[in-house]
Amino acid sequence: MSALEEHQDVHAPDQLKPTNRRRAQRGAIISAVVLLMFFWGNQEGNTEKVWLVLLAVGLVAVVIGDIVLRKAGLRPND
C-alpha cells in the first residue's frame, strides 16, 4: 500500500465534542428577540426594519426546521 491509498480524516479534538443543541436554540431565539428590539429605533426608512424582521424570522425558521427534522428522524440527535 502506498501513502496515497491510505486516507484518514483528521479532526481537532473540539470538533468531536457534541454541541449543546438546546443552548444553541435558545441563543438563536434570544438573538431574534434582540434584533426585533432594534425595530423601534431612529431609522428614517423602512429598509432597516425589513432586514431586522427578515433576519429574526430566518433565525426562528432555522430553529423550527431543526426541531422538525429531528422529530422526523432526518437529523441525528447529538
C-alpha atoms as a PDB file:
ATOM      1  CA  MET A   1       0.000   0.000   0.000  1.00  0.00           C
ATOM      2  CA  SER A   2       1.217   3.400  -0.828  1.00  0.00           C
ATOM      3  CA  ALA A   3       0.710   6.532   1.194  1.00  0.00           C
ATOM      4  CA  LEU A   4      -1.863   7.764  -1.322  1.00  0.00           C
ATOM      5  CA  GLU A   5      -4.150   4.777  -0.753  1.00  0.00           C
ATOM      6  CA  GLU A   6      -4.392   5.303   2.994  1.00  0.00           C
ATOM      7  CA  HIS A   7      -6.784   8.107   3.796  1.00  0.00           C
ATOM      8  CA  GLN A   8      -7.799   9.029   7.299  1.00  0.00           C
ATOM      9  CA  ASP A   9      -9.779  12.069   8.320  1.00  0.00           C
ATOM     10  CA  VAL A  10      -8.008  14.423  10.662  1.00  0.00           C
ATOM     11  CA  HIS A  11     -10.148  16.095  13.317  1.00  0.00           C
ATOM     12  CA  ALA A  12      -9.294  18.549  16.034  1.00  0.00           C
ATOM     13  CA  PRO A  13     -10.435  17.419  19.499  1.00  0.00           C
ATOM     14  CA  ASP A  14     -13.004  20.219  19.744  1.00  0.00           C
ATOM     15  CA  GLN A  15     -14.655  19.031  16.500  1.00  0.00           C
ATOM     16  CA  LEU A  16     -15.526  15.710  18.078  1.00  0.00           C
ATOM     17  CA  LYS A  17     -17.291  17.211  21.094  1.00  0.00           C
ATOM     18  CA  PRO A  18     -21.057  17.423  20.682  1.00  0.00           C
ATOM     19  CA  THR A  19     -22.571  20.871  20.989  1.00  0.00           C
ATOM     20  CA  ASN A  20     -25.377  21.717  23.344  1.00  0.00           C
ATOM     21  CA  ARG A  21     -28.367  21.861  20.983  1.00  0.00           C
ATOM     22  CA  ARG A  22     -30.752  23.448  23.494  1.00  0.00           C
ATOM     23  CA  ARG A  23     -28.283  26.215  24.267  1.00  0.00           C
ATOM     24  CA  ALA A  24     -27.818  26.940  20.557  1.00  0.00           C
ATOM     25  CA  GLN A  25     -31.586  27.074  20.022  1.00  0.00           C
ATOM     26  CA  ARG A  26     -32.060  29.415  22.978  1.00  0.00           C
ATOM     27  CA  GLY A  27     -29.247  31.608  21.679  1.00  0.00           C
ATOM     28  CA  ALA A  28     -30.904  31.883  18.271  1.00  0.00           C
ATOM     29  CA  ILE A  29     -34.268  32.802  19.795  1.00  0.00           C
ATOM     30  CA  ILE A  30     -32.672  35.392  22.102  1.00  0.00           C
ATOM     31  CA  SER A  31     -30.783  36.851  19.140  1.00  0.00           C
ATOM     32  CA  ALA A  32     -34.031  37.123  17.178  1.00  0.00           C
ATOM     33  CA  VAL A  33     -35.675  38.951  20.089  1.00  0.00           C
ATOM     34  CA  VAL A  34     -32.713  41.330  20.377  1.00  0.00           C
ATOM     35  CA  LEU A  35     -32.901  42.047  16.633  1.00  0.00           C
ATOM     36  CA  LEU A  36     -36.584  42.862  16.949  1.00  0.00           C
ATOM     37  CA  MET A  37     -35.825  45.221  19.834  1.00  0.00           C
ATOM     38  CA  PHE A  38     -33.945  47.416  17.351  1.00  0.00           C
ATOM     39  CA  PHE A  39     -37.130  47.637  15.257  1.00  0.00           C
ATOM     40  CA  TRP A  40     -38.158  50.775  17.148  1.00  0.00           C
ATOM     41  CA  GLY A  41     -35.086  52.873  16.534  1.00  0.00           C
ATOM     42  CA  ASN A  42     -34.360  56.125  14.825  1.00  0.00           C
ATOM     43  CA  GLN A  43     -34.406  54.762  11.280  1.00  0.00           C
ATOM     44  CA  GLU A  44     -35.785  57.099   8.659  1.00  0.00           C
ATOM     45  CA  GLY A  45     -36.550  54.458   6.048  1.00  0.00           C
ATOM     46  CA  ASN A  46     -38.040  51.004   6.229  1.00  0.00           C
ATOM     47  CA  THR A  47     -35.062  49.173   4.762  1.00  0.00           C
ATOM     48  CA  GLU A  48     -33.505  48.569   8.171  1.00  0.00           C
ATOM     49  CA  LYS A  49     -36.804  47.305   9.553  1.00  0.00           C
ATOM     50  CA  VAL A  50     -37.206  44.861   6.683  1.00  0.00           C
ATOM     51  CA  TRP A  51     -33.725  43.437   7.263  1.00  0.00           C
ATOM     52  CA  LEU A  52     -34.253  43.155  11.023  1.00  0.00           C
ATOM     53  CA  VAL A  53     -37.516  41.279  10.574  1.00  0.00           C
ATOM     54  CA  LEU A  54     -36.090  39.005   7.858  1.00  0.00           C
ATOM     55  CA  LEU A  55     -33.074  38.087   9.977  1.00  0.00           C
ATOM     56  CA  ALA A  56     -35.216  37.418  13.049  1.00  0.00           C
ATOM     57  CA  VAL A  57     -37.676  35.286  11.067  1.00  0.00           C
ATOM     58  CA  GLY A  58     -34.743  33.434   9.483  1.00  0.00           C
ATOM     59  CA  LEU A  59     -33.290  32.557  12.883  1.00  0.00           C
ATOM     60  CA  VAL A  60     -36.632  31.297  14.147  1.00  0.00           C
ATOM     61  CA  ALA A  61     -37.186  29.315  10.930  1.00  0.00           C
ATOM     62  CA  VAL A  62     -33.823  27.588  11.331  1.00  0.00           C
ATOM     63  CA  VAL A  63     -34.683  26.573  14.898  1.00  0.00           C
ATOM     64  CA  ILE A  64     -38.131  25.302  13.892  1.00  0.00           C
ATOM     65  CA  GLY A  65     -36.654  23.467  10.903  1.00  0.00           C
ATOM     66  CA  ASP A  66     -34.080  21.794  13.122  1.00  0.00           C
ATOM     67  CA  ILE A  67     -36.767  20.651  15.558  1.00  0.00           C
ATOM     68  CA  VAL A  68     -38.968  19.281  12.762  1.00  0.00           C
ATOM     69  CA  LEU A  69     -36.098  17.434  11.079  1.00  0.00           C
ATOM     70  CA  ARG A  70     -35.001  15.864  14.373  1.00  0.00           C
ATOM     71  CA  LYS A  71     -38.572  14.734  15.142  1.00  0.00           C
ATOM     72  CA  ALA A  72     -38.807  13.169  11.676  1.00  0.00           C
ATOM     73  CA  GLY A  73     -35.501  11.378  12.205  1.00  0.00           C
ATOM     74  CA  LEU A  74     -33.738  13.139   9.356  1.00  0.00           C
ATOM     75  CA  ARG A  75     -31.064  14.679  11.621  1.00  0.00           C
ATOM     76  CA  PRO A  76     -29.109  12.804  14.271  1.00  0.00           C
ATOM     77  CA  ASN A  77     -29.769  13.537  17.912  1.00  0.00           C
ATOM     78  CA  ASP A  78     -26.464  14.522  19.464  1.00  0.00           C
END
